[in-house]
Each structure stands twice: as structure tokens, then as C-alpha cells.
N, C-alpha and C. Protein backbone atom coordinates (compact mmCIF):
# COMPACT_ATOMS: atom_id res chain seq x y z
N MET A 1 10.72 -3.51 8.91
CA MET A 1 10.33 -4.39 7.82
C MET A 1 10.27 -5.84 8.02
N MET A 2 11.39 -6.24 8.91
CA MET A 2 11.17 -7.73 8.98
C MET A 2 10.21 -7.98 10.19
N PHE A 3 9.89 -7.24 10.91
CA PHE A 3 8.81 -7.45 11.85
C PHE A 3 7.31 -7.82 11.09
N LEU A 4 7.14 -6.80 9.94
CA LEU A 4 5.88 -6.75 9.11
C LEU A 4 5.87 -8.12 8.58
N HIS A 5 6.96 -8.54 7.97
CA HIS A 5 7.16 -9.67 7.14
C HIS A 5 6.86 -10.91 7.91
N SER A 6 7.25 -10.94 9.03
CA SER A 6 7.22 -12.11 10.02
C SER A 6 5.83 -12.17 10.56
N ALA A 7 5.10 -10.90 10.73
CA ALA A 7 3.51 -11.03 11.12
C ALA A 7 2.90 -11.38 9.83
N MET A 8 3.34 -11.01 8.65
CA MET A 8 2.36 -11.53 7.54
C MET A 8 2.41 -13.15 7.34
N GLU A 9 3.90 -13.66 7.58
CA GLU A 9 4.11 -15.08 7.59
C GLU A 9 3.06 -15.73 8.53
N ARG A 10 3.26 -15.23 9.88
CA ARG A 10 2.13 -15.74 10.75
C ARG A 10 0.98 -15.65 10.57
N LEU A 11 0.37 -14.70 9.86
CA LEU A 11 -0.80 -14.52 9.32
C LEU A 11 -1.30 -15.55 8.18
N ALA A 12 -0.28 -15.76 7.39
CA ALA A 12 -0.57 -16.81 6.23
C ALA A 12 -0.75 -18.16 6.77
N ASN A 13 0.10 -18.55 7.83
CA ASN A 13 -0.02 -19.77 8.29
C ASN A 13 -1.11 -20.08 9.25
N THR A 14 -2.00 -19.13 9.57
CA THR A 14 -3.25 -19.32 10.23
C THR A 14 -4.20 -20.37 9.38
N GLU A 15 -4.98 -20.99 10.10
CA GLU A 15 -5.74 -22.01 9.56
C GLU A 15 -6.86 -21.43 8.77
N TRP A 16 -7.32 -20.28 9.16
CA TRP A 16 -8.47 -19.58 8.29
C TRP A 16 -7.82 -19.02 7.11
N SER A 17 -6.69 -18.42 7.14
CA SER A 17 -5.92 -17.83 5.79
C SER A 17 -5.69 -18.98 4.98
N ILE A 18 -5.12 -20.09 5.40
CA ILE A 18 -4.91 -21.06 4.53
C ILE A 18 -6.32 -21.87 3.88
N ALA A 19 -7.16 -21.71 4.59
CA ALA A 19 -8.56 -22.47 4.09
C ALA A 19 -8.90 -21.65 3.02
N LEU A 20 -9.01 -20.17 3.28
CA LEU A 20 -9.64 -19.22 2.65
C LEU A 20 -8.99 -19.46 1.19
N HIS A 21 -7.63 -19.19 1.09
CA HIS A 21 -6.90 -19.36 -0.15
C HIS A 21 -6.81 -20.86 -0.80
N GLU A 22 -6.87 -21.72 -0.24
CA GLU A 22 -6.96 -22.83 -0.85
C GLU A 22 -8.41 -23.56 -1.05
N SER A 23 -9.37 -22.70 -0.90
CA SER A 23 -10.74 -23.11 -0.94
C SER A 23 -11.16 -23.03 -2.41
N GLN A 24 -11.71 -23.93 -3.04
CA GLN A 24 -12.37 -23.99 -4.61
C GLN A 24 -13.06 -22.77 -4.89
N TYR A 25 -13.76 -22.30 -3.94
CA TYR A 25 -14.77 -21.34 -4.13
C TYR A 25 -14.70 -20.09 -3.45
N ALA A 26 -14.54 -20.08 -2.09
CA ALA A 26 -14.38 -19.02 -1.32
C ALA A 26 -13.77 -17.74 -1.70
N TYR A 27 -12.60 -17.98 -1.97
CA TYR A 27 -11.49 -16.63 -2.59
C TYR A 27 -12.19 -15.97 -3.72
N SER A 28 -12.86 -17.06 -4.66
CA SER A 28 -13.14 -16.24 -5.86
C SER A 28 -14.74 -15.62 -5.44
N ILE A 29 -15.22 -16.07 -4.62
CA ILE A 29 -16.56 -15.26 -4.23
C ILE A 29 -16.42 -14.25 -3.45
N VAL A 30 -15.46 -14.16 -2.82
CA VAL A 30 -14.89 -12.71 -2.13
C VAL A 30 -14.42 -11.89 -2.94
N GLU A 31 -13.55 -12.15 -3.92
CA GLU A 31 -13.00 -11.70 -4.77
C GLU A 31 -14.10 -10.69 -5.93
N SER A 32 -15.24 -11.72 -6.13
CA SER A 32 -16.48 -11.12 -6.65
C SER A 32 -17.30 -10.04 -5.94
N VAL A 33 -17.29 -10.27 -4.74
CA VAL A 33 -18.02 -9.27 -3.93
C VAL A 33 -17.27 -8.36 -3.75
N HIS A 34 -15.74 -8.09 -3.73
CA HIS A 34 -15.09 -7.17 -3.90
C HIS A 34 -15.31 -6.01 -5.19
N VAL A 35 -15.32 -6.67 -6.15
CA VAL A 35 -15.32 -6.27 -7.50
C VAL A 35 -16.73 -5.28 -7.60
N TRP A 36 -17.83 -6.23 -7.34
CA TRP A 36 -19.23 -5.80 -7.38
C TRP A 36 -19.32 -4.45 -6.28
N ALA A 37 -18.65 -4.64 -5.24
CA ALA A 37 -18.65 -3.39 -4.17
C ALA A 37 -18.13 -2.37 -4.74
N LEU A 38 -16.97 -2.68 -5.38
CA LEU A 38 -16.03 -1.51 -5.83
C LEU A 38 -16.83 -0.94 -7.16
N CYS A 39 -17.58 -1.67 -7.98
CA CYS A 39 -18.51 -0.99 -8.93
C CYS A 39 -19.54 -0.13 -8.43
N LEU A 40 -20.17 -0.40 -7.41
CA LEU A 40 -21.08 0.31 -6.72
C LEU A 40 -20.59 1.60 -6.31
N PHE A 41 -19.47 1.72 -5.18
CA PHE A 41 -18.78 2.71 -4.87
C PHE A 41 -18.26 3.49 -5.81
N VAL A 42 -17.25 3.02 -6.63
CA VAL A 42 -16.70 4.03 -7.62
C VAL A 42 -17.98 4.55 -8.66
N GLY A 43 -18.65 3.92 -8.99
CA GLY A 43 -19.69 4.23 -9.95
C GLY A 43 -20.24 5.23 -9.35
N PHE A 44 -20.88 5.51 -8.18
CA PHE A 44 -21.62 6.64 -7.72
C PHE A 44 -20.50 7.74 -7.43
N ALA A 45 -19.42 7.37 -6.89
CA ALA A 45 -18.28 8.36 -6.77
C ALA A 45 -17.98 9.22 -7.94
N VAL A 46 -17.87 8.62 -9.09
CA VAL A 46 -17.61 9.07 -10.39
C VAL A 46 -18.74 10.15 -10.89
N LEU A 47 -20.15 9.90 -10.54
CA LEU A 47 -21.28 10.38 -10.93
C LEU A 47 -21.01 11.67 -10.08
N LEU A 48 -20.77 11.59 -8.77
CA LEU A 48 -20.67 13.06 -7.85
C LEU A 48 -19.60 13.66 -8.57
N ASP A 49 -18.19 13.16 -8.60
CA ASP A 49 -17.26 13.74 -8.95
C ASP A 49 -17.22 14.45 -10.47
N LEU A 50 -18.14 13.95 -11.39
CA LEU A 50 -18.34 14.54 -12.61
C LEU A 50 -19.17 15.76 -12.35
N ARG A 51 -20.17 15.54 -11.46
CA ARG A 51 -21.01 16.83 -11.06
C ARG A 51 -20.35 17.93 -10.58
N LEU A 52 -19.46 17.36 -9.44
CA LEU A 52 -18.41 18.56 -9.03
C LEU A 52 -17.60 19.41 -10.07
N VAL A 53 -17.08 18.64 -10.91
CA VAL A 53 -16.31 19.29 -12.30
C VAL A 53 -17.22 19.98 -13.16
N GLY A 54 -18.41 19.71 -12.92
CA GLY A 54 -19.52 20.47 -13.88
C GLY A 54 -19.87 19.92 -15.17
N LEU A 55 -19.42 18.59 -15.23
CA LEU A 55 -19.53 17.76 -16.64
C LEU A 55 -21.08 17.38 -16.77
N ILE A 56 -21.70 16.97 -15.58
CA ILE A 56 -22.82 16.29 -15.78
C ILE A 56 -23.82 16.95 -14.67
N PHE A 57 -25.12 16.65 -15.05
CA PHE A 57 -26.29 16.89 -14.19
C PHE A 57 -26.31 18.27 -13.57
N ARG A 58 -25.72 19.26 -14.22
CA ARG A 58 -25.68 20.69 -13.77
C ARG A 58 -26.62 21.35 -13.33
N GLY A 59 -27.98 20.80 -13.69
CA GLY A 59 -29.24 21.39 -12.94
C GLY A 59 -29.53 20.93 -11.83
N VAL A 60 -28.84 19.89 -11.33
CA VAL A 60 -29.03 19.32 -9.99
C VAL A 60 -27.95 19.77 -8.90
N PRO A 61 -28.96 20.05 -8.03
CA PRO A 61 -28.00 20.67 -6.79
C PRO A 61 -27.13 19.44 -6.28
N VAL A 62 -25.95 19.86 -5.98
CA VAL A 62 -25.05 18.90 -5.44
C VAL A 62 -25.64 18.33 -4.14
N SER A 63 -26.23 19.12 -3.52
CA SER A 63 -26.89 18.65 -2.15
C SER A 63 -27.77 17.42 -2.50
N HIS A 64 -28.54 17.68 -3.48
CA HIS A 64 -29.57 16.58 -3.88
C HIS A 64 -28.89 15.29 -4.05
N MET A 65 -27.74 15.61 -5.03
CA MET A 65 -26.95 14.26 -5.44
C MET A 65 -26.14 13.73 -4.20
N THR A 66 -25.59 14.63 -3.59
CA THR A 66 -25.12 13.79 -2.30
C THR A 66 -26.06 13.12 -1.31
N GLY A 67 -27.02 13.71 -1.07
CA GLY A 67 -28.25 13.23 -0.36
C GLY A 67 -28.65 11.88 -0.74
N ARG A 68 -28.55 11.73 -2.13
CA ARG A 68 -29.15 10.30 -2.73
C ARG A 68 -27.78 9.43 -3.08
N ILE A 69 -26.84 9.86 -3.38
CA ILE A 69 -25.85 9.02 -3.70
C ILE A 69 -24.85 8.64 -2.65
N LEU A 70 -24.82 9.44 -1.52
CA LEU A 70 -23.78 8.83 -0.56
C LEU A 70 -24.16 7.87 0.24
N PRO A 71 -25.56 7.53 0.50
CA PRO A 71 -25.84 6.25 1.27
C PRO A 71 -25.27 5.02 0.31
N TRP A 72 -25.61 5.11 -0.70
CA TRP A 72 -25.29 3.86 -1.49
C TRP A 72 -23.56 3.79 -1.66
N THR A 73 -22.92 4.89 -1.91
CA THR A 73 -21.59 4.83 -2.01
C THR A 73 -20.91 4.50 -0.61
N LYS A 74 -21.51 4.73 0.55
CA LYS A 74 -21.17 4.24 1.90
C LYS A 74 -21.29 2.67 2.07
N VAL A 75 -22.31 2.22 1.29
CA VAL A 75 -22.52 0.83 1.54
C VAL A 75 -21.56 0.15 0.70
N GLY A 76 -21.38 0.57 -0.40
CA GLY A 76 -20.33 0.28 -1.36
C GLY A 76 -18.90 0.11 -0.64
N PHE A 77 -18.69 1.10 -0.11
CA PHE A 77 -17.54 1.14 0.50
C PHE A 77 -16.98 0.33 1.60
N VAL A 78 -18.24 0.32 2.52
CA VAL A 78 -17.97 -0.71 3.81
C VAL A 78 -17.77 -2.10 3.37
N VAL A 79 -18.66 -2.71 2.19
CA VAL A 79 -18.36 -3.84 1.55
C VAL A 79 -17.25 -4.14 0.91
N MET A 80 -16.73 -2.91 0.06
CA MET A 80 -15.36 -2.97 -0.40
C MET A 80 -14.30 -3.28 0.30
N VAL A 81 -14.29 -2.36 1.65
CA VAL A 81 -13.26 -2.72 2.68
C VAL A 81 -13.27 -4.07 3.39
N ILE A 82 -14.38 -4.53 3.72
CA ILE A 82 -14.50 -5.78 4.25
C ILE A 82 -13.93 -6.99 3.48
N SER A 83 -14.60 -6.76 2.23
CA SER A 83 -13.81 -7.94 1.30
C SER A 83 -12.40 -7.57 1.12
N GLY A 84 -12.01 -6.55 0.76
CA GLY A 84 -10.63 -6.24 0.59
C GLY A 84 -9.72 -6.83 1.66
N VAL A 85 -10.28 -6.81 2.93
CA VAL A 85 -9.35 -7.03 4.13
C VAL A 85 -9.11 -8.65 3.97
N VAL A 86 -10.32 -9.29 3.77
CA VAL A 86 -10.50 -10.81 3.74
C VAL A 86 -9.68 -11.29 2.49
N LEU A 87 -9.49 -10.43 1.51
CA LEU A 87 -8.69 -10.92 0.17
C LEU A 87 -7.29 -10.92 0.65
N PHE A 88 -6.86 -9.81 1.44
CA PHE A 88 -5.58 -9.59 1.85
C PHE A 88 -5.38 -10.68 2.88
N TYR A 89 -6.22 -11.02 3.80
CA TYR A 89 -6.11 -11.98 4.96
C TYR A 89 -5.78 -13.57 4.39
N ALA A 90 -6.38 -13.85 2.86
CA ALA A 90 -5.96 -15.15 2.41
C ALA A 90 -4.79 -15.29 1.90
N ILE A 91 -3.93 -14.38 1.29
CA ILE A 91 -2.86 -14.27 1.16
C ILE A 91 -1.95 -13.04 1.48
N PRO A 92 -1.75 -13.09 2.73
CA PRO A 92 -1.20 -11.77 3.28
C PRO A 92 0.45 -11.44 2.94
N LEU A 93 1.05 -12.56 2.83
CA LEU A 93 2.65 -12.33 2.64
C LEU A 93 2.68 -11.91 1.13
N ARG A 94 2.21 -12.67 0.34
CA ARG A 94 2.57 -12.27 -1.19
C ARG A 94 1.82 -10.78 -1.33
N THR A 95 0.36 -10.63 -0.96
CA THR A 95 0.16 -9.24 -0.82
C THR A 95 0.92 -8.19 -0.26
N TYR A 96 1.57 -8.30 0.72
CA TYR A 96 2.28 -7.43 1.68
C TYR A 96 3.56 -7.03 0.54
N HIS A 97 4.19 -7.93 -0.03
CA HIS A 97 5.42 -7.75 -0.78
C HIS A 97 4.94 -7.34 -2.14
N ASN A 98 3.69 -7.22 -2.51
CA ASN A 98 3.32 -6.62 -3.97
C ASN A 98 3.30 -5.09 -4.11
N VAL A 99 4.31 -5.22 -5.21
CA VAL A 99 4.67 -3.57 -5.41
C VAL A 99 3.01 -2.89 -5.52
N PHE A 100 2.30 -3.39 -6.52
CA PHE A 100 1.16 -2.62 -6.96
C PHE A 100 0.26 -2.52 -5.70
N PHE A 101 0.09 -3.50 -4.54
CA PHE A 101 -0.72 -3.18 -3.44
C PHE A 101 -0.10 -2.16 -2.45
N ARG A 102 1.35 -1.87 -2.72
CA ARG A 102 1.87 -0.87 -1.83
C ARG A 102 1.20 0.55 -2.64
N VAL A 103 1.36 0.42 -3.98
CA VAL A 103 0.98 1.62 -4.41
C VAL A 103 -0.55 1.98 -4.46
N LYS A 104 -1.16 0.78 -4.58
CA LYS A 104 -2.62 0.95 -4.09
C LYS A 104 -2.86 1.66 -2.79
N ALA A 105 -2.17 1.00 -1.85
CA ALA A 105 -2.28 1.48 -0.29
C ALA A 105 -2.13 3.01 -0.29
N VAL A 106 -1.12 3.44 -0.82
CA VAL A 106 -0.74 4.92 -0.76
C VAL A 106 -1.92 5.72 -1.29
N LEU A 107 -2.38 5.43 -2.58
CA LEU A 107 -3.49 6.15 -3.42
C LEU A 107 -4.75 5.94 -2.44
N LEU A 108 -5.29 4.71 -1.86
CA LEU A 108 -6.19 4.86 -0.93
C LEU A 108 -6.25 5.66 0.22
N ILE A 109 -4.96 5.97 0.60
CA ILE A 109 -4.74 6.86 1.80
C ILE A 109 -5.08 8.37 1.19
N LEU A 110 -4.28 8.73 -0.09
CA LEU A 110 -4.47 9.92 -0.69
C LEU A 110 -5.86 10.12 -0.79
N ALA A 111 -6.66 9.35 -1.64
CA ALA A 111 -8.28 9.25 -1.84
C ALA A 111 -8.86 9.81 -0.66
N GLY A 112 -8.68 9.05 0.39
CA GLY A 112 -9.27 8.87 1.79
C GLY A 112 -9.38 10.46 2.37
N LEU A 113 -8.01 11.05 2.22
CA LEU A 113 -7.69 12.44 2.86
C LEU A 113 -8.36 13.49 1.71
N ASN A 114 -8.46 13.39 0.33
CA ASN A 114 -9.35 14.08 -0.36
C ASN A 114 -10.40 14.20 0.02
N ALA A 115 -11.23 13.00 0.01
CA ALA A 115 -12.69 12.87 0.63
C ALA A 115 -12.74 13.45 1.86
N PHE A 116 -11.89 13.40 2.94
CA PHE A 116 -12.15 13.96 4.14
C PHE A 116 -12.05 15.53 3.97
N VAL A 117 -11.17 16.03 3.27
CA VAL A 117 -10.88 17.61 3.15
C VAL A 117 -12.19 17.99 2.63
N PHE A 118 -12.73 17.31 1.43
CA PHE A 118 -13.99 17.87 0.79
C PHE A 118 -15.14 17.88 1.91
N HIS A 119 -15.39 16.82 2.43
CA HIS A 119 -16.45 16.76 3.44
C HIS A 119 -16.61 17.49 4.34
N ASN A 120 -15.29 17.69 4.92
CA ASN A 120 -15.19 18.69 6.06
C ASN A 120 -14.81 20.02 5.70
N GLY A 121 -14.72 20.37 4.58
CA GLY A 121 -14.24 21.77 4.13
C GLY A 121 -15.39 22.27 3.08
N ILE A 122 -15.28 22.47 1.82
CA ILE A 122 -16.08 22.86 1.01
C ILE A 122 -17.67 22.43 1.12
N HIS A 123 -17.89 20.97 1.20
CA HIS A 123 -19.29 20.22 1.22
C HIS A 123 -19.91 21.02 2.43
N ARG A 124 -19.30 21.49 3.38
CA ARG A 124 -20.31 22.10 4.62
C ARG A 124 -20.83 23.23 4.30
N ARG A 125 -20.29 24.02 3.23
CA ARG A 125 -20.98 25.22 2.79
C ARG A 125 -21.64 24.93 1.45
N VAL A 126 -22.15 23.83 1.14
CA VAL A 126 -22.79 23.23 -0.16
C VAL A 126 -23.99 24.29 -0.44
N SER A 127 -24.62 24.56 0.45
CA SER A 127 -26.05 25.32 0.20
C SER A 127 -25.69 26.61 -0.23
N ASP A 128 -24.56 27.22 -0.04
CA ASP A 128 -23.96 28.50 -0.74
C ASP A 128 -23.65 28.38 -2.18
N TRP A 129 -23.36 27.19 -2.71
CA TRP A 129 -22.84 27.06 -3.93
C TRP A 129 -23.41 25.99 -4.86
N ASP A 130 -24.56 25.58 -4.26
CA ASP A 130 -25.16 24.24 -4.79
C ASP A 130 -25.35 23.98 -6.42
N LEU A 131 -26.07 25.59 -6.81
CA LEU A 131 -26.40 25.45 -8.21
C LEU A 131 -25.23 26.21 -8.99
N ASN A 132 -24.29 26.70 -8.45
CA ASN A 132 -23.34 27.81 -9.11
C ASN A 132 -22.72 26.90 -10.11
N LEU A 133 -22.72 27.77 -11.46
CA LEU A 133 -21.99 26.87 -12.53
C LEU A 133 -20.75 27.89 -12.79
N PRO A 134 -19.62 27.98 -12.92
CA PRO A 134 -19.08 26.09 -12.38
C PRO A 134 -19.17 26.25 -11.06
N PRO A 135 -18.86 25.09 -10.37
CA PRO A 135 -18.59 25.12 -8.87
C PRO A 135 -17.56 25.66 -8.55
N PRO A 136 -17.40 25.72 -7.10
CA PRO A 136 -16.09 26.47 -6.76
C PRO A 136 -15.00 25.64 -6.98
N ARG A 137 -13.98 26.32 -7.11
CA ARG A 137 -12.55 25.82 -7.55
C ARG A 137 -12.16 24.71 -6.57
N ALA A 138 -12.49 24.60 -5.21
CA ALA A 138 -12.06 23.64 -4.31
C ALA A 138 -12.87 22.37 -4.45
N ALA A 139 -14.21 22.64 -4.77
CA ALA A 139 -14.94 21.50 -5.22
C ALA A 139 -14.64 20.50 -6.67
N LYS A 140 -14.16 21.41 -7.78
CA LYS A 140 -13.70 21.18 -8.93
C LYS A 140 -12.59 20.29 -8.77
N LEU A 141 -11.46 20.84 -7.74
CA LEU A 141 -10.27 20.19 -7.53
C LEU A 141 -10.56 18.99 -6.92
N ALA A 142 -11.50 18.91 -5.85
CA ALA A 142 -11.77 17.63 -5.05
C ALA A 142 -12.28 16.39 -5.84
N GLY A 143 -13.06 16.86 -6.91
CA GLY A 143 -13.92 16.00 -8.07
C GLY A 143 -12.65 15.54 -8.98
N VAL A 144 -11.74 16.33 -9.56
CA VAL A 144 -10.81 15.88 -10.54
C VAL A 144 -9.77 15.12 -9.64
N CYS A 145 -9.36 15.60 -8.63
CA CYS A 145 -8.35 14.72 -7.72
C CYS A 145 -9.06 13.03 -7.46
N SER A 146 -10.42 12.89 -7.01
CA SER A 146 -11.01 11.93 -6.84
C SER A 146 -11.09 11.09 -7.98
N LEU A 147 -11.40 11.43 -9.18
CA LEU A 147 -11.44 10.79 -10.35
C LEU A 147 -10.19 10.05 -10.79
N ILE A 148 -8.84 10.96 -10.79
CA ILE A 148 -7.43 10.49 -11.11
C ILE A 148 -7.17 9.53 -10.16
N LEU A 149 -7.29 9.89 -8.80
CA LEU A 149 -6.84 8.50 -7.48
C LEU A 149 -7.76 7.32 -7.94
N TRP A 150 -8.89 7.40 -8.09
CA TRP A 150 -9.93 6.23 -8.08
C TRP A 150 -9.70 5.28 -9.22
N ALA A 151 -9.21 6.02 -10.63
CA ALA A 151 -8.94 5.31 -11.76
C ALA A 151 -7.57 4.75 -11.62
N ALA A 152 -6.61 5.39 -10.62
CA ALA A 152 -5.10 4.56 -10.43
C ALA A 152 -5.39 3.44 -9.27
N ILE A 153 -6.53 3.88 -8.53
CA ILE A 153 -6.53 2.88 -7.59
C ILE A 153 -7.04 1.48 -8.23
N VAL A 154 -8.11 1.56 -9.20
CA VAL A 154 -8.72 0.35 -9.76
C VAL A 154 -7.59 -0.06 -10.57
N PHE A 155 -6.73 0.50 -11.37
CA PHE A 155 -5.75 0.19 -12.19
C PHE A 155 -4.66 -0.61 -11.42
N SER A 156 -4.12 -0.02 -10.26
CA SER A 156 -3.33 -0.65 -9.23
C SER A 156 -3.80 -2.09 -8.74
N GLY A 157 -4.91 -1.92 -8.27
CA GLY A 157 -5.70 -3.15 -7.60
C GLY A 157 -5.63 -4.07 -8.58
N ARG A 158 -6.13 -4.13 -9.95
CA ARG A 158 -6.41 -5.06 -10.69
C ARG A 158 -4.70 -5.71 -11.02
N LEU A 159 -3.68 -5.01 -11.01
CA LEU A 159 -2.35 -5.57 -11.48
C LEU A 159 -1.93 -6.26 -9.91
N ILE A 160 -2.68 -6.15 -8.92
CA ILE A 160 -1.97 -6.96 -7.79
C ILE A 160 -2.23 -8.56 -8.11
N ALA A 161 -3.19 -8.88 -8.92
CA ALA A 161 -3.15 -10.34 -9.24
C ALA A 161 -1.75 -10.73 -10.12
N TYR A 162 -1.07 -10.00 -10.52
CA TYR A 162 0.03 -10.38 -11.14
C TYR A 162 1.36 -10.53 -10.51
N ASN A 163 2.01 -11.35 -10.69
CA ASN A 163 3.35 -11.71 -10.05
C ASN A 163 4.47 -11.13 -10.56
N TRP A 164 4.69 -10.18 -11.36
CA TRP A 164 5.61 -9.62 -12.13
C TRP A 164 6.88 -9.42 -10.94
N PHE A 165 6.61 -9.02 -9.86
CA PHE A 165 7.52 -8.33 -8.96
C PHE A 165 7.46 -9.19 -7.64
N ASP A 166 7.22 -10.43 -7.54
CA ASP A 166 7.37 -11.30 -6.24
C ASP A 166 8.88 -11.24 -5.84
N CYS A 167 8.73 -11.55 -4.61
CA CYS A 167 10.13 -11.47 -4.08
C CYS A 167 10.88 -12.85 -4.43
N GLY A 168 10.41 -13.92 -4.88
CA GLY A 168 11.09 -14.88 -5.25
C GLY A 168 11.79 -14.52 -6.38
N LYS A 169 11.69 -13.75 -7.34
CA LYS A 169 12.13 -13.60 -8.76
C LYS A 169 13.52 -12.54 -8.41
N VAL A 170 14.19 -12.68 -9.50
CA VAL A 170 15.42 -11.84 -9.60
C VAL A 170 14.85 -10.52 -10.42
N GLN A 171 14.94 -9.31 -9.54
CA GLN A 171 14.65 -7.80 -10.14
C GLN A 171 15.52 -6.98 -9.91
N PRO A 172 15.10 -5.64 -10.61
CA PRO A 172 16.15 -4.62 -10.09
C PRO A 172 16.24 -4.47 -8.45
N ALA A 173 17.15 -3.89 -7.80
CA ALA A 173 17.45 -3.43 -6.63
C ALA A 173 16.23 -2.66 -6.00
N LEU A 174 16.02 -1.51 -6.83
CA LEU A 174 14.95 -0.79 -6.61
C LEU A 174 13.43 -1.21 -6.46
N VAL A 175 13.25 -2.22 -7.01
CA VAL A 175 12.08 -2.80 -7.16
C VAL A 175 11.92 -3.59 -5.92
N SER A 176 12.95 -4.51 -5.49
CA SER A 176 13.30 -5.41 -4.35
C SER A 176 12.94 -4.58 -3.21
N ALA A 177 13.46 -3.54 -3.18
CA ALA A 177 13.58 -2.61 -1.99
C ALA A 177 12.10 -1.81 -1.76
N PHE A 178 11.21 -1.42 -2.66
CA PHE A 178 10.10 -1.02 -2.65
C PHE A 178 8.99 -2.16 -2.35
N ALA A 179 9.40 -3.29 -2.58
CA ALA A 179 8.43 -4.58 -2.22
C ALA A 179 8.74 -4.89 -0.96
N GLY A 180 9.92 -4.66 -0.41
CA GLY A 180 10.21 -4.92 0.97
C GLY A 180 11.00 -6.13 0.78
N CYS A 181 11.44 -6.83 -0.30
CA CYS A 181 12.13 -8.07 -0.41
C CYS A 181 13.68 -7.96 0.22
N THR A 182 14.04 -8.94 0.65
CA THR A 182 15.43 -8.91 1.08
C THR A 182 16.09 -10.15 0.25
N PRO A 183 17.51 -10.03 0.28
CA PRO A 183 18.46 -10.90 -0.45
C PRO A 183 18.07 -12.32 -0.32
N ASP A 184 17.91 -12.93 1.19
CA ASP A 184 17.53 -14.21 1.38
C ASP A 184 16.24 -14.51 0.78
N MET A 185 15.26 -13.54 0.06
CA MET A 185 14.04 -14.16 -0.28
C MET A 185 14.01 -14.47 -1.75
N ILE A 186 15.05 -14.10 -2.41
CA ILE A 186 15.29 -14.28 -3.98
C ILE A 186 15.88 -16.12 -4.21
N ASP A 187 14.99 -16.44 -5.13
CA ASP A 187 15.38 -17.77 -5.55
C ASP A 187 16.42 -17.93 -6.71
N PRO A 188 17.53 -18.30 -6.33
CA PRO A 188 18.79 -18.14 -7.13
C PRO A 188 18.52 -19.16 -8.55
N TYR A 189 17.69 -20.05 -8.60
CA TYR A 189 17.47 -20.80 -9.76
C TYR A 189 16.48 -20.23 -10.61
N GLN A 190 15.64 -18.87 -10.42
CA GLN A 190 14.92 -18.54 -11.51
C GLN A 190 15.43 -17.77 -12.74
């Protein structure tokens, strides 16, 4: 843990990180791009997930939806990841220790696994079940999991902006441990 903390400190002290964080406009622009890309990605993902669950566009084959939606979803995903990495780079130490960032990171991994399993599993046989109502249980489960995970990712991502659990604050030991804070990081005058 101390290795990662030290690496984040070094990253935070780079010229580009400082410039990005202290810029009057750059950080806000990158953050806005991140939110727009998130809207693009999650918006189309929700459409596909709701179709998989069988709640919307029941007469539209899933293969037609994925054929039209996935290219836009991929663009949104790429821009969202790049802008997210830049946001992390701007304030790496604080973000690394942020409880909500850690929750978001775990949820992103789970969402990625869900998408991987879906696209390399049931979706490979989409022509067999394209118009079935209801869709196969595995497709519905992937859609439900995706909806839940992306709602939680957006929620936790939004909470990253708040410093309720920064290492410099006195907080419960469990929160400090989860955030990777050590006793020497706590400000005794808080």
C-alpha cells in the first residue's frame, strides 16, 4: 500500500498533473467531456439492457440493436476511459485514497466482467434467440446486472467529488483502512 501511495505522490507532483489540477478551465473541460461520454455510453447501454430484460423494443431483434448501438457505445466508452484517466492524473493521491473511487473501481471491474461474459457467451448465439420473448435467462441476467452496476458506478462516481473520507480527517478505523490511510496521514487539528 505504501508503494502505491508513494507512486501517487510522485504522480501528483509531476508538472502536468499540477498544471491540469490548477488550470482554470482544463480540469472542468475534461470533467465535462467525461460526463458527456458517460451519458453517451450509459444511455445506449441502458437501451440495450432494457431490451435484454424485455421491457422495451420487444419487436426489434437484439442483433439489430447491438449492430446499431454498440459502435456508439464503444465510442462513448473510449472517450469516457480516456477522460477518466486524465481526471485521475490531475489529482491522483486524493483520488487513490477516495473510498468512492475504490468502490467505483471494483464496480467497473464487475461491469467489465459482466459485459465480457455476455458478449463472449449468450450473445454469440444471438441469432438463435433474437426475437424470443422473453429473452433467455442469461441475457436477462446480464441486462439486470448491467443496469444495477452502471447505476451504482454513476452514483459512486458522483460521490468521488466529495471529501467526506479524506485521509486528513479523523474517521472510523474501518474507513481509514478501506481508503488506505495510515495514522500519520491524519491531521490532529481537525
